[in-house]
Amino acid sequence: MNTKDRIGGDTPLTPAVFHILLALSEGERHGYGIMLDVAEQTGGTLKMGPGTLYGTIKRLLTAALIEEVGDRADSTLDDARRRYYRLTDSGASTLKSEARRLESLVATARDRHLLPSQGGG
């Protein structure tokens, strides 16, 4: 895996990686469901096409931050061609670390009066 493919660690996550992990934090989803969740999370400002989505999913699978779900509880309720994904423990840990990093950045922006304080003032 080259430097470009490394995900997490001390390196901030890309928006695509962060939002895919965030979408999976609420449970298993298939690719199209992830795309819809990301659009909802971002108010439509981040629209992932299939190339970005599935390229990022491939990298996340390789990095063991997500895994493909083998058997679904009730496969009769869904299209058998859909592949579902879920966070691994490592993926959840990486997502939490990135959320803390972003929270720290927002706190710094508030301290520097670039954003209103949490109380709204």
PDB file of N, CA and C in Angstrom:
ATOM      1  N   MET A   1       0.852  -1.179   0.000  1.00  0.00           N
ATOM      2  CA  MET A   1       0.000   0.000   0.000  1.00  0.00           C
ATOM      3  C   MET A   1       0.893   1.235   0.000  1.00  0.00           C
ATOM      4  N   ASN A   2       0.719   2.127  -0.954  1.00  0.00           N
ATOM      5  CA  ASN A   2       1.553   3.325  -0.985  1.00  0.00           C
ATOM      6  C   ASN A   2       0.969   4.419  -0.096  1.00  0.00           C
ATOM      7  N   THR A   3       1.703   5.522   0.052  1.00  0.00           N
ATOM      8  CA  THR A   3       1.279   6.609   0.939  1.00  0.00           C
ATOM      9  C   THR A   3      -0.110   7.129   0.599  1.00  0.00           C
ATOM     10  N   LYS A   4      -0.422   7.240  -0.673  1.00  0.00           N
ATOM     11  CA  LYS A   4      -1.727   7.748  -1.093  1.00  0.00           C
ATOM     12  C   LYS A   4      -2.861   6.844  -0.593  1.00  0.00           C
ATOM     13  N   ASP A   5      -2.578   5.536  -0.485  1.00  0.00           N
ATOM     14  CA  ASP A   5      -3.610   4.584  -0.087  1.00  0.00           C
ATOM     15  C   ASP A   5      -3.753   4.444   1.430  1.00  0.00           C
ATOM     16  N   ARG A   6      -2.804   4.982   2.188  1.00  0.00           N
ATOM     17  CA  ARG A   6      -2.895   4.873   3.631  1.00  0.00           C
ATOM     18  C   ARG A   6      -4.071   5.688   4.152  1.00  0.00           C
ATOM     19  N   ILE A   7      -4.842   5.100   5.023  1.00  0.00           N
ATOM     20  CA  ILE A   7      -6.018   5.779   5.553  1.00  0.00           C
ATOM     21  C   ILE A   7      -5.906   5.794   7.067  1.00  0.00           C
ATOM     22  N   GLY A   8      -6.108   6.971   7.643  1.00  0.00           N
ATOM     23  CA  GLY A   8      -6.098   7.083   9.093  1.00  0.00           C
ATOM     24  C   GLY A   8      -4.707   7.340   9.626  1.00  0.00           C
ATOM     25  N   GLY A   9      -4.455   6.834  10.824  1.00  0.00           N
ATOM     26  CA  GLY A   9      -3.179   7.110  11.471  1.00  0.00           C
ATOM     27  C   GLY A   9      -3.123   8.579  11.846  1.00  0.00           C
ATOM     28  N   ASP A  10      -2.000   9.223  11.530  1.00  0.00           N
ATOM     29  CA  ASP A  10      -1.848  10.644  11.828  1.00  0.00           C
ATOM     30  C   ASP A  10      -2.357  11.521  10.694  1.00  0.00           C
ATOM     31  N   THR A  11      -2.778  10.896   9.608  1.00  0.00           N
ATOM     32  CA  THR A  11      -3.224  11.637   8.441  1.00  0.00           C
ATOM     33  C   THR A  11      -4.721  11.911   8.527  1.00  0.00           C
ATOM     34  N   PRO A  12      -5.144  13.160   8.335  1.00  0.00           N
ATOM     35  CA  PRO A  12      -6.588  13.428   8.328  1.00  0.00           C
ATOM     36  C   PRO A  12      -7.278  12.627   7.228  1.00  0.00           C
ATOM     37  N   LEU A  13      -8.498  12.225   7.500  1.00  0.00           N
ATOM     38  CA  LEU A  13      -9.260  11.484   6.500  1.00  0.00           C
ATOM     39  C   LEU A  13      -9.754  12.425   5.410  1.00  0.00           C
ATOM     40  N   THR A  14      -9.889  11.916   4.210  1.00  0.00           N
ATOM     41  CA  THR A  14     -10.496  12.711   3.146  1.00  0.00           C
ATOM     42  C   THR A  14     -11.993  12.834   3.444  1.00  0.00           C
ATOM     43  N   PRO A  15     -12.663  13.846   2.895  1.00  0.00           N
ATOM     44  CA  PRO A  15     -14.112  13.955   3.102  1.00  0.00           C
ATOM     45  C   PRO A  15     -14.859  12.691   2.680  1.00  0.00           C
ATOM     46  N   ALA A  16     -14.482  12.093   1.560  1.00  0.00           N
ATOM     47  CA  ALA A  16     -15.181  10.888   1.105  1.00  0.00           C
ATOM     48  C   ALA A  16     -15.046   9.761   2.126  1.00  0.00           C
ATOM     49  N   VAL A  17     -13.836   9.534   2.612  1.00  0.00           N
ATOM     50  CA  VAL A  17     -13.608   8.478   3.606  1.00  0.00           C
ATOM     51  C   VAL A  17     -14.393   8.774   4.880  1.00  0.00           C
ATOM     52  N   PHE A  18     -14.288   9.986   5.378  1.00  0.00           N
ATOM     53  CA  PHE A  18     -14.975  10.343   6.616  1.00  0.00           C
ATOM     54  C   PHE A  18     -16.484  10.133   6.497  1.00  0.00           C
ATOM     55  N   HIS A  19     -17.075  10.613   5.421  1.00  0.00           N
ATOM     56  CA  HIS A  19     -18.526  10.517   5.283  1.00  0.00           C
ATOM     57  C   HIS A  19     -19.007   9.096   5.032  1.00  0.00           C
ATOM     58  N   ILE A  20     -18.219   8.278   4.359  1.00  0.00           N
ATOM     59  CA  ILE A  20     -18.597   6.873   4.196  1.00  0.00           C
ATOM     60  C   ILE A  20     -18.550   6.160   5.541  1.00  0.00           C
ATOM     61  N   LEU A  21     -17.488   6.381   6.307  1.00  0.00           N
ATOM     62  CA  LEU A  21     -17.414   5.777   7.641  1.00  0.00           C
ATOM     63  C   LEU A  21     -18.554   6.273   8.523  1.00  0.00           C
ATOM     64  N   LEU A  22     -18.863   7.555   8.428  1.00  0.00           N
ATOM     65  CA  LEU A  22     -19.957   8.120   9.216  1.00  0.00           C
ATOM     66  C   LEU A  22     -21.293   7.485   8.824  1.00  0.00           C
ATOM     67  N   ALA A  23     -21.501   7.269   7.535  1.00  0.00           N
ATOM     68  CA  ALA A  23     -22.739   6.625   7.071  1.00  0.00           C
ATOM     69  C   ALA A  23     -22.855   5.216   7.644  1.00  0.00           C
ATOM     70  N   LEU A  24     -21.736   4.522   7.732  1.00  0.00           N
ATOM     71  CA  LEU A  24     -21.762   3.150   8.238  1.00  0.00           C
ATOM     72  C   LEU A  24     -21.793   3.070   9.758  1.00  0.00           C
ATOM     73  N   SER A  25     -21.625   4.197  10.427  1.00  0.00           N
ATOM     74  CA  SER A  25     -21.641   4.193  11.897  1.00  0.00           C
ATOM     75  C   SER A  25     -23.026   3.868  12.450  1.00  0.00           C
ATOM     76  N   GLU A  26     -24.045   4.016  11.630  1.00  0.00           N
ATOM     77  CA  GLU A  26     -25.407   3.700  12.071  1.00  0.00           C
ATOM     78  C   GLU A  26     -25.848   2.305  11.662  1.00  0.00           C
ATOM     79  N   GLY A  27     -24.960   1.548  11.033  1.00  0.00           N
ATOM     80  CA  GLY A  27     -25.291   0.180  10.667  1.00  0.00           C
ATOM     81  C   GLY A  27     -24.924  -0.129   9.233  1.00  0.00           C
ATOM     82  N   GLU A  28     -25.242  -1.337   8.841  1.00  0.00           N
ATOM     83  CA  GLU A  28     -24.912  -1.830   7.507  1.00  0.00           C
ATOM     84  C   GLU A  28     -25.668  -1.047   6.444  1.00  0.00           C
ATOM     85  N   ARG A  29     -24.989  -0.799   5.330  1.00  0.00           N
ATOM     86  CA  ARG A  29     -25.612  -0.127   4.186  1.00  0.00           C
ATOM     87  C   ARG A  29     -25.007  -0.669   2.902  1.00  0.00           C
ATOM     88  N   HIS A  30     -25.781  -0.585   1.848  1.00  0.00           N
ATOM     89  CA  HIS A  30     -25.254  -0.905   0.523  1.00  0.00           C
ATOM     90  C   HIS A  30     -24.775   0.396  -0.107  1.00  0.00           C
ATOM     91  N   GLY A  31     -24.087   0.284  -1.235  1.00  0.00           N
ATOM     92  CA  GLY A  31     -23.465   1.452  -1.855  1.00  0.00           C
ATOM     93  C   GLY A  31     -24.411   2.612  -2.096  1.00  0.00           C
ATOM     94  N   TYR A  32     -25.560   2.336  -2.695  1.00  0.00           N
ATOM     95  CA  TYR A  32     -26.500   3.420  -2.993  1.00  0.00           C
ATOM     96  C   TYR A  32     -27.010   4.051  -1.696  1.00  0.00           C
ATOM     97  N   GLY A  33     -27.221   3.237  -0.672  1.00  0.00           N
ATOM     98  CA  GLY A  33     -27.644   3.761   0.632  1.00  0.00           C
ATOM     99  C   GLY A  33     -26.590   4.669   1.238  1.00  0.00           C
ATOM    100  N   ILE A  34     -25.322   4.320   1.043  1.00  0.00           N
ATOM    101  CA  ILE A  34     -24.224   5.171   1.520  1.00  0.00           C
ATOM    102  C   ILE A  34     -24.252   6.502   0.780  1.00  0.00           C
ATOM    103  N   MET A  35     -24.424   6.449  -0.553  1.00  0.00           N
ATOM    104  CA  MET A  35     -24.475   7.690  -1.347  1.00  0.00           C
ATOM    105  C   MET A  35     -25.594   8.602  -0.863  1.00  0.00           C
ATOM    106  N   LEU A  36     -26.768   8.029  -0.594  1.00  0.00           N
ATOM    107  CA  LEU A  36     -27.897   8.830  -0.116  1.00  0.00           C
ATOM    108  C   LEU A  36     -27.616   9.432   1.256  1.00  0.00           C
ATOM    109  N   ASP A  37     -27.010   8.640   2.138  1.00  0.00           N
ATOM    110  CA  ASP A  37     -26.710   9.137   3.480  1.00  0.00           C
ATOM    111  C   ASP A  37     -25.694  10.266   3.435  1.00  0.00           C
ATOM    112  N   VAL A  38     -24.679  10.133   2.608  1.00  0.00           N
ATOM    113  CA  VAL A  38     -23.665  11.184   2.486  1.00  0.00           C
ATOM    114  C   VAL A  38     -24.305  12.471   1.973  1.00  0.00           C
ATOM    115  N   ALA A  39     -25.168  12.360   0.979  1.00  0.00           N
ATOM    116  CA  ALA A  39     -25.858  13.552   0.467  1.00  0.00           C
ATOM    117  C   ALA A  39     -26.690  14.194   1.568  1.00  0.00           C
ATOM    118  N   GLU A  40     -27.346  13.378   2.386  1.00  0.00           N
ATOM    119  CA  GLU A  40     -28.158  13.913   3.491  1.00  0.00           C
ATOM    120  C   GLU A  40     -27.279  14.552   4.564  1.00  0.00           C
ATOM    121  N   GLN A  41     -26.180  13.895   4.928  1.00  0.00           N
ATOM    122  CA  GLN A  41     -25.258  14.422   5.950  1.00  0.00           C
ATOM    123  C   GLN A  41     -24.757  15.804   5.589  1.00  0.00           C
ATOM    124  N   THR A  42     -24.506  16.006   4.303  1.00  0.00           N
ATOM    125  CA  THR A  42     -23.852  17.231   3.847  1.00  0.00           C
ATOM    126  C   THR A  42     -24.817  18.237   3.236  1.00  0.00           C
ATOM    127  N   GLY A  43     -26.105  17.980   3.377  1.00  0.00           N
ATOM    128  CA  GLY A  43     -27.088  18.888   2.783  1.00  0.00           C
ATOM    129  C   GLY A  43     -26.930  18.967   1.273  1.00  0.00           C
ATOM    130  N   GLY A  44     -26.438  17.900   0.673  1.00  0.00           N
ATOM    131  CA  GLY A  44     -26.279  17.849  -0.771  1.00  0.00           C
ATOM    132  C   GLY A  44     -25.009  18.494  -1.297  1.00  0.00           C
ATOM    133  N   THR A  45     -24.148  18.996  -0.404  1.00  0.00           N
ATOM    134  CA  THR A  45     -22.930  19.665  -0.882  1.00  0.00           C
ATOM    135  C   THR A  45     -21.852  18.682  -1.317  1.00  0.00           C
ATOM    136  N   LEU A  46     -21.897  17.455  -0.803  1.00  0.00           N
ATOM    137  CA  LEU A  46     -20.954  16.430  -1.229  1.00  0.00           C
ATOM    138  C   LEU A  46     -21.746  15.335  -1.922  1.00  0.00           C
ATOM    139  N   LYS A  47     -21.601  15.293  -3.228  1.00  0.00           N
ATOM    140  CA  LYS A  47     -22.289  14.273  -4.014  1.00  0.00           C
ATOM    141  C   LYS A  47     -21.229  13.341  -4.570  1.00  0.00           C
ATOM    142  N   MET A  48     -21.287  12.107  -4.133  1.00  0.00           N
ATOM    143  CA  MET A  48     -20.314  11.123  -4.575  1.00  0.00           C
ATOM    144  C   MET A  48     -20.866  10.352  -5.757  1.00  0.00           C
ATOM    145  N   GLY A  49     -20.117  10.331  -6.817  1.00  0.00           N
ATOM    146  CA  GLY A  49     -20.477   9.489  -7.939  1.00  0.00           C
ATOM    147  C   GLY A  49     -20.044   8.059  -7.666  1.00  0.00           C
ATOM    148  N   PRO A  50     -20.480   7.132  -8.490  1.00  0.00           N
ATOM    149  CA  PRO A  50     -20.120   5.731  -8.276  1.00  0.00           C
ATOM    150  C   PRO A  50     -18.617   5.483  -8.277  1.00  0.00           C
ATOM    151  N   GLY A  51     -17.864   6.178  -9.123  1.00  0.00           N
ATOM    152  CA  GLY A  51     -16.411   5.976  -9.169  1.00  0.00           C
ATOM    153  C   GLY A  51     -15.741   6.328  -7.858  1.00  0.00           C
ATOM    154  N   THR A  52     -16.085   7.488  -7.310  1.00  0.00           N
ATOM    155  CA  THR A  52     -15.526   7.907  -6.018  1.00  0.00           C
ATOM    156  C   THR A  52     -15.980   6.971  -4.913  1.00  0.00           C
ATOM    157  N   LEU A  53     -17.271   6.659  -4.894  1.00  0.00           N
ATOM    158  CA  LEU A  53     -17.813   5.804  -3.845  1.00  0.00           C
ATOM    159  C   LEU A  53     -17.142   4.439  -3.836  1.00  0.00           C
ATOM    160  N   TYR A  54     -17.171   3.753  -4.962  1.00  0.00           N
ATOM    161  CA  TYR A  54     -16.658   2.383  -4.973  1.00  0.00           C
ATOM    162  C   TYR A  54     -15.135   2.325  -4.938  1.00  0.00           C
ATOM    163  N   GLY A  55     -14.461   3.344  -5.453  1.00  0.00           N
ATOM    164  CA  GLY A  55     -13.009   3.418  -5.306  1.00  0.00           C
ATOM    165  C   GLY A  55     -12.624   3.583  -3.841  1.00  0.00           C
ATOM    166  N   THR A  56     -13.366   4.434  -3.137  1.00  0.00           N
ATOM    167  CA  THR A  56     -13.102   4.654  -1.712  1.00  0.00           C
ATOM    168  C   THR A  56     -13.458   3.415  -0.907  1.00  0.00           C
ATOM    169  N   ILE A  57     -14.577   2.780  -1.233  1.00  0.00           N
ATOM    170  CA  ILE A  57     -14.956   1.541  -0.543  1.00  0.00           C
ATOM    171  C   ILE A  57     -13.854   0.490  -0.717  1.00  0.00           C
ATOM    172  N   LYS A  58     -13.305   0.378  -1.905  1.00  0.00           N
ATOM    173  CA  LYS A  58     -12.227  -0.588  -2.150  1.00  0.00           C
ATOM    174  C   LYS A  58     -11.031  -0.299  -1.248  1.00  0.00           C
ATOM    175  N   ARG A  59     -10.665   0.982  -1.135  1.00  0.00           N
ATOM    176  CA  ARG A  59      -9.548   1.365  -0.261  1.00  0.00           C
ATOM    177  C   ARG A  59      -9.861   1.073   1.205  1.00  0.00           C
ATOM    178  N   LEU A  60     -11.108   1.325   1.615  1.00  0.00           N
ATOM    179  CA  LEU A  60     -11.509   1.064   3.002  1.00  0.00           C
ATOM    180  C   LEU A  60     -11.507  -0.431   3.307  1.00  0.00           C
ATOM    181  N   LEU A  61     -11.916  -1.251   2.333  1.00  0.00           N
ATOM    182  CA  LEU A  61     -11.853  -2.707   2.503  1.00  0.00           C
ATOM    183  C   LEU A  61     -10.406  -3.168   2.648  1.00  0.00           C
ATOM    184  N   THR A  62      -9.523  -2.649   1.791  1.00  0.00           N
ATOM    185  CA  THR A  62      -8.107  -3.007   1.829  1.00  0.00           C
ATOM    186  C   THR A  62      -7.478  -2.605   3.160  1.00  0.00           C
ATOM    187  N   ALA A  63      -7.885  -1.447   3.680  1.00  0.00           N
ATOM    188  CA  ALA A  63      -7.347  -0.955   4.955  1.00  0.00           C
ATOM    189  C   ALA A  63      -8.028  -1.603   6.163  1.00  0.00           C
ATOM    190  N   ALA A  64      -8.997  -2.492   5.909  1.00  0.00           N
ATOM    191  CA  ALA A  64      -9.741  -3.205   6.963  1.00  0.00           C
ATOM    192  C   ALA A  64     -10.506  -2.256   7.886  1.00  0.00           C
ATOM    193  N   LEU A  65     -10.945  -1.116   7.340  1.00  0.00           N
ATOM    194  CA  LEU A  65     -11.767  -0.191   8.123  1.00  0.00           C
ATOM    195  C   LEU A  65     -13.246  -0.506   7.958  1.00  0.00           C
ATOM    196  N   ILE A  66     -13.577  -1.192   6.872  1.00  0.00           N
ATOM    197  CA  ILE A  66     -14.929  -1.697   6.669  1.00  0.00           C
ATOM    198  C   ILE A  66     -14.803  -3.129   6.173  1.00  0.00           C
ATOM    199  N   GLU A  67     -15.919  -3.845   6.228  1.00  0.00           N
ATOM    200  CA  GLU A  67     -15.940  -5.200   5.690  1.00  0.00           C
ATOM    201  C   GLU A  67     -17.262  -5.423   4.990  1.00  0.00           C
ATOM    202  N   GLU A  68     -17.226  -6.320   4.037  1.00  0.00           N
ATOM    203  CA  GLU A  68     -18.454  -6.671   3.340  1.00  0.00           C
ATOM    204  C   GLU A  68     -19.225  -7.639   4.229  1.00  0.00           C
ATOM    205  N   VAL A  69     -20.536  -7.430   4.299  1.00  0.00           N
ATOM    206  CA  VAL A  69     -21.388  -8.294   5.102  1.00  0.00           C
ATOM    207  C   VAL A  69     -21.677  -9.545   4.287  1.00  0.00           C
ATOM    208  N   GLY A  70     -21.420 -10.695   4.867  1.00  0.00           N
ATOM    209  CA  GLY A  70     -21.662 -11.949   4.162  1.00  0.00           C
ATOM    210  C   GLY A  70     -23.135 -12.237   4.011  1.00  0.00           C
ATOM    211  N   ASP A  71     -23.744 -12.732   5.026  1.00  0.00           N
ATOM    212  CA  ASP A  71     -25.164 -13.088   4.982  1.00  0.00           C
ATOM    213  C   ASP A  71     -25.989 -12.051   5.716  1.00  0.00           C
ATOM    214  N   ARG A  72     -27.062 -11.624   5.084  1.00  0.00           N
ATOM    215  CA  ARG A  72     -27.985 -10.674   5.705  1.00  0.00           C
ATOM    216  C   ARG A  72     -29.032 -11.468   6.477  1.00  0.00           C
ATOM    217  N   ALA A  73     -29.593 -10.842   7.503  1.00  0.00           N
ATOM    218  CA  ALA A  73     -30.585 -11.507   8.347  1.00  0.00           C
ATOM    219  C   ALA A  73     -31.753 -12.049   7.520  1.00  0.00           C
ATOM    220  N   ASP A  74     -32.274 -11.243   6.603  1.00  0.00           N
ATOM    221  CA  ASP A  74     -33.381 -11.687   5.759  1.00  0.00           C
ATOM    222  C   ASP A  74     -33.107 -11.250   4.330  1.00  0.00           C
ATOM    223  N   SER A  75     -32.394 -12.085   3.610  1.00  0.00           N
ATOM    224  CA  SER A  75     -32.002 -11.734   2.251  1.00  0.00           C
ATOM    225  C   SER A  75     -33.186 -11.684   1.293  1.00  0.00           C
ATOM    226  N   THR A  76     -34.339 -12.196   1.691  1.00  0.00           N
ATOM    227  CA  THR A  76     -35.516 -12.149   0.816  1.00  0.00           C
ATOM    228  C   THR A  76     -36.079 -10.742   0.716  1.00  0.00           C
ATOM    229  N   LEU A  77     -35.695  -9.852   1.613  1.00  0.00           N
ATOM    230  CA  LEU A  77     -36.208  -8.490   1.610  1.00  0.00           C
ATOM    231  C   LEU A  77     -35.397  -7.553   0.727  1.00  0.00           C
ATOM    232  N   ASP A  78     -34.362  -8.074   0.087  1.00  0.00           N
ATOM    233  CA  ASP A  78     -33.467  -7.203  -0.652  1.00  0.00           C
ATOM    234  C   ASP A  78     -32.991  -7.869  -1.933  1.00  0.00           C
ATOM    235  N   ASP A  79     -32.431  -7.062  -2.801  1.00  0.00           N
ATOM    236  CA  ASP A  79     -31.848  -7.539  -4.047  1.00  0.00           C
ATOM    237  C   ASP A  79     -30.542  -8.272  -3.727  1.00  0.00           C
ATOM    238  N   ALA A  80     -30.431  -9.509  -4.156  1.00  0.00           N
ATOM    239  CA  ALA A  80     -29.258 -10.331  -3.843  1.00  0.00           C
ATOM    240  C   ALA A  80     -27.972  -9.766  -4.434  1.00  0.00           C
ATOM    241  N   ARG A  81     -28.077  -8.911  -5.453  1.00  0.00           N
ATOM    242  CA  ARG A  81     -26.874  -8.344  -6.074  1.00  0.00           C
ATOM    243  C   ARG A  81     -26.242  -7.246  -5.234  1.00  0.00           C
ATOM    244  N   ARG A  82     -26.995  -6.658  -4.328  1.00  0.00           N
ATOM    245  CA  ARG A  82     -26.449  -5.573  -3.506  1.00  0.00           C
ATOM    246  C   ARG A  82     -25.420  -6.110  -2.532  1.00  0.00           C
ATOM    247  N   ARG A  83     -24.357  -5.353  -2.407  1.00  0.00           N
ATOM    248  CA  ARG A  83     -23.336  -5.685  -1.421  1.00  0.00           C
ATOM    249  C   ARG A  83     -23.473  -4.717  -0.265  1.00  0.00           C
ATOM    250  N   TYR A  84     -23.503  -5.250   0.924  1.00  0.00           N
ATOM    251  CA  TYR A  84     -23.625  -4.446   2.121  1.00  0.00           C
ATOM    252  C   TYR A  84     -22.291  -4.381   2.834  1.00  0.00           C
ATOM    253  N   TYR A  85     -22.061  -3.249   3.482  1.00  0.00           N
ATOM    254  CA  TYR A  85     -20.805  -3.002   4.173  1.00  0.00           C
ATOM    255  C   TYR A  85     -21.096  -2.568   5.601  1.00  0.00           C
ATOM    256  N   ARG A  86     -20.126  -2.816   6.476  1.00  0.00           N
ATOM    257  CA  ARG A  86     -20.220  -2.352   7.861  1.00  0.00           C
ATOM    258  C   ARG A  86     -18.839  -1.960   8.349  1.00  0.00           C
ATOM    259  N   LEU A  87     -18.823  -1.134   9.397  1.00  0.00           N
ATOM    260  CA  LEU A  87     -17.559  -0.738  10.018  1.00  0.00           C
ATOM    261  C   LEU A  87     -16.924  -1.916  10.734  1.00  0.00           C
ATOM    262  N   THR A  88     -15.616  -1.962  10.728  1.00  0.00           N
ATOM    263  CA  THR A  88     -14.880  -2.877  11.597  1.00  0.00           C
ATOM    264  C   THR A  88     -14.571  -2.102  12.882  1.00  0.00           C
ATOM    265  N   ASP A  89     -14.040  -2.781  13.874  1.00  0.00           N
ATOM    266  CA  ASP A  89     -13.634  -2.080  15.099  1.00  0.00           C
ATOM    267  C   ASP A  89     -12.582  -1.024  14.781  1.00  0.00           C
ATOM    268  N   SER A  90     -11.670  -1.355  13.886  1.00  0.00           N
ATOM    269  CA  SER A  90     -10.633  -0.407  13.481  1.00  0.00           C
ATOM    270  C   SER A  90     -11.252   0.801  12.773  1.00  0.00           C
ATOM    271  N   GLY A  91     -12.254   0.554  11.947  1.00  0.00           N
ATOM    272  CA  GLY A  91     -12.950   1.643  11.263  1.00  0.00           C
ATOM    273  C   GLY A  91     -13.661   2.560  12.234  1.00  0.00           C
ATOM    274  N   ALA A  92     -14.313   1.974  13.240  1.00  0.00           N
ATOM    275  CA  ALA A  92     -15.006   2.779  14.249  1.00  0.00           C
ATOM    276  C   ALA A  92     -14.012   3.620  15.041  1.00  0.00           C
ATOM    277  N   SER A  93     -12.872   3.026  15.373  1.00  0.00           N
ATOM    278  CA  SER A  93     -11.824   3.748  16.110  1.00  0.00           C
ATOM    279  C   SER A  93     -11.261   4.898  15.269  1.00  0.00           C
ATOM    280  N   THR A  94     -11.025   4.634  13.990  1.00  0.00           N
ATOM    281  CA  THR A  94     -10.514   5.657  13.080  1.00  0.00           C
ATOM    282  C   THR A  94     -11.515   6.800  12.941  1.00  0.00           C
ATOM    283  N   LEU A  95     -12.792   6.454  12.817  1.00  0.00           N
ATOM    284  CA  LEU A  95     -13.845   7.469  12.704  1.00  0.00           C
ATOM    285  C   LEU A  95     -13.908   8.331  13.963  1.00  0.00           C
ATOM    286  N   LYS A  96     -13.841   7.720  15.130  1.00  0.00           N
ATOM    287  CA  LYS A  96     -13.876   8.476  16.390  1.00  0.00           C
ATOM    288  C   LYS A  96     -12.670   9.404  16.502  1.00  0.00           C
ATOM    289  N   SER A  97     -11.506   8.912  16.121  1.00  0.00           N
ATOM    290  CA  SER A  97     -10.297   9.747  16.178  1.00  0.00           C
ATOM    291  C   SER A  97     -10.433  10.964  15.277  1.00  0.00           C
ATOM    292  N   GLU A  98     -10.956  10.748  14.077  1.00  0.00           N
ATOM    293  CA  GLU A  98     -11.127  11.863  13.144  1.00  0.00           C
ATOM    294  C   GLU A  98     -12.181  12.842  13.656  1.00  0.00           C
ATOM    295  N   ALA A  99     -13.256  12.341  14.253  1.00  0.00           N
ATOM    296  CA  ALA A  99     -14.280  13.229  14.808  1.00  0.00           C
ATOM    297  C   ALA A  99     -13.693  14.085  15.929  1.00  0.00           C
ATOM    298  N   ARG A 100     -12.846  13.480  16.765  1.00  0.00           N
ATOM    299  CA  ARG A 100     -12.192  14.256  17.836  1.00  0.00           C
ATOM    300  C   ARG A 100     -11.258  15.316  17.256  1.00  0.00           C
ATOM    301  N   ARG A 101     -10.531  14.942  16.191  1.00  0.00           N
ATOM    302  CA  ARG A 101      -9.629  15.900  15.544  1.00  0.00           C
ATOM    303  C   ARG A 101     -10.418  17.080  14.989  1.00  0.00           C
ATOM    304  N   LEU A 102     -11.532  16.801  14.347  1.00  0.00           N
ATOM    305  CA  LEU A 102     -12.370  17.870  13.794  1.00  0.00           C
ATOM    306  C   LEU A 102     -12.994  18.724  14.905  1.00  0.00           C
ATOM    307  N   GLU A 103     -13.400  18.073  15.990  1.00  0.00           N
ATOM    308  CA  GLU A 103     -13.953  18.797  17.132  1.00  0.00           C
ATOM    309  C   GLU A 103     -12.925  19.777  17.699  1.00  0.00           C
ATOM    310  N   SER A 104     -11.676  19.341  17.767  1.00  0.00           N
ATOM    311  CA  SER A 104     -10.599  20.200  18.258  1.00  0.00           C
ATOM    312  C   SER A 104     -10.394  21.401  17.328  1.00  0.00           C
ATOM    313  N   LEU A 105     -10.462  21.166  16.022  1.00  0.00           N
ATOM    314  CA  LEU A 105     -10.325  22.270  15.059  1.00  0.00           C
ATOM    315  C   LEU A 105     -11.460  23.277  15.206  1.00  0.00           C
ATOM    316  N   VAL A 106     -12.666  22.789  15.399  1.00  0.00           N
ATOM    317  CA  VAL A 106     -13.817  23.684  15.577  1.00  0.00           C
ATOM    318  C   VAL A 106     -13.649  24.481  16.865  1.00  0.00           C
ATOM    319  N   ALA A 107     -13.165  23.844  17.931  1.00  0.00           N
ATOM    320  CA  ALA A 107     -12.931  24.560  19.187  1.00  0.00           C
ATOM    321  C   ALA A 107     -11.914  25.674  18.997  1.00  0.00           C
ATOM    322  N   THR A 108     -10.864  25.402  18.241  1.00  0.00           N
ATOM    323  CA  THR A 108      -9.857  26.434  17.951  1.00  0.00           C
ATOM    324  C   THR A 108     -10.475  27.578  17.152  1.00  0.00           C
ATOM    325  N   ALA A 109     -11.292  27.248  16.171  1.00  0.00           N
ATOM    326  CA  ALA A 109     -11.965  28.288  15.371  1.00  0.00           C
ATOM    327  C   ALA A 109     -12.875  29.140  16.260  1.00  0.00           C
ATOM    328  N   ARG A 110     -13.543  28.521  17.220  1.00  0.00           N
ATOM    329  CA  ARG A 110     -14.396  29.287  18.152  1.00  0.00           C
ATOM    330  C   ARG A 110     -13.540  30.190  19.041  1.00  0.00           C
ATOM    331  N   ASP A 111     -12.433  29.652  19.543  1.00  0.00           N
ATOM    332  CA  ASP A 111     -11.527  30.441  20.384  1.00  0.00           C
ATOM    333  C   ASP A 111     -10.992  31.656  19.646  1.00  0.00           C
ATOM    334  N   ARG A 112     -10.865  31.531  18.345  1.00  0.00           N
ATOM    335  CA  ARG A 112     -10.342  32.633  17.531  1.00  0.00           C
ATOM    336  C   ARG A 112     -11.455  33.471  16.926  1.00  0.00           C
ATOM    337  N   HIS A 113     -12.655  33.257  17.425  1.00  0.00           N
ATOM    338  CA  HIS A 113     -13.838  34.033  17.042  1.00  0.00           C
ATOM    339  C   HIS A 113     -14.180  33.937  15.554  1.00  0.00           C
ATOM    340  N   LEU A 114     -13.831  32.804  14.975  1.00  0.00           N
ATOM    341  CA  LEU A 114     -14.203  32.560  13.579  1.00  0.00           C
ATOM    342  C   LEU A 114     -15.596  31.939  13.490  1.00  0.00           C
ATOM    343  N   LEU A 115     -16.026  31.330  14.597  1.00  0.00           N
ATOM    344  CA  LEU A 115     -17.356  30.740  14.704  1.00  0.00           C
ATOM    345  C   LEU A 115     -17.964  31.214  16.012  1.00  0.00           C
ATOM    346  N   PRO A 116     -19.291  31.273  16.067  1.00  0.00           N
ATOM    347  CA  PRO A 116     -19.921  31.655  17.337  1.00  0.00           C
ATOM    348  C   PRO A 116     -19.660  30.583  18.406  1.00  0.00           C
ATOM    349  N   SER A 117     -19.692  31.001  19.651  1.00  0.00           N
ATOM    350  CA  SER A 117     -19.511  30.036  20.738  1.00  0.00           C
ATOM    351  C   SER A 117     -20.675  29.055  20.735  1.00  0.00           C
ATOM    352  N   GLN A 118     -20.504  27.936  21.425  1.00  0.00           N
ATOM    353  CA  GLN A 118     -21.548  26.912  21.418  1.00  0.00           C
ATOM    354  C   GLN A 118     -22.852  27.417  21.992  1.00  0.00           C
ATOM    355  N   GLY A 119     -22.817  28.396  22.864  1.00  0.00           N
ATOM    356  CA  GLY A 119     -24.027  28.965  23.433  1.00  0.00           C
ATOM    357  C   GLY A 119     -24.750  29.859  22.441  1.00  0.00           C
ATOM    358  N   GLY A 120     -24.175  30.063  21.259  1.00  0.00           N
ATOM    359  CA  GLY A 120     -24.813  30.875  20.241  1.00  0.00           C
ATOM    360  C   GLY A 120     -24.374  32.321  20.233  1.00  0.00           C
ATOM    361  N   GLY A 121     -23.497  32.696  21.175  1.00  0.00           N
ATOM    362  CA  GLY A 121     -23.088  34.081  21.311  1.00  0.00           C
ATOM    363  C   GLY A 121     -21.929  34.407  20.532  1.00  0.00           C
TER     364      GLY A 121
END
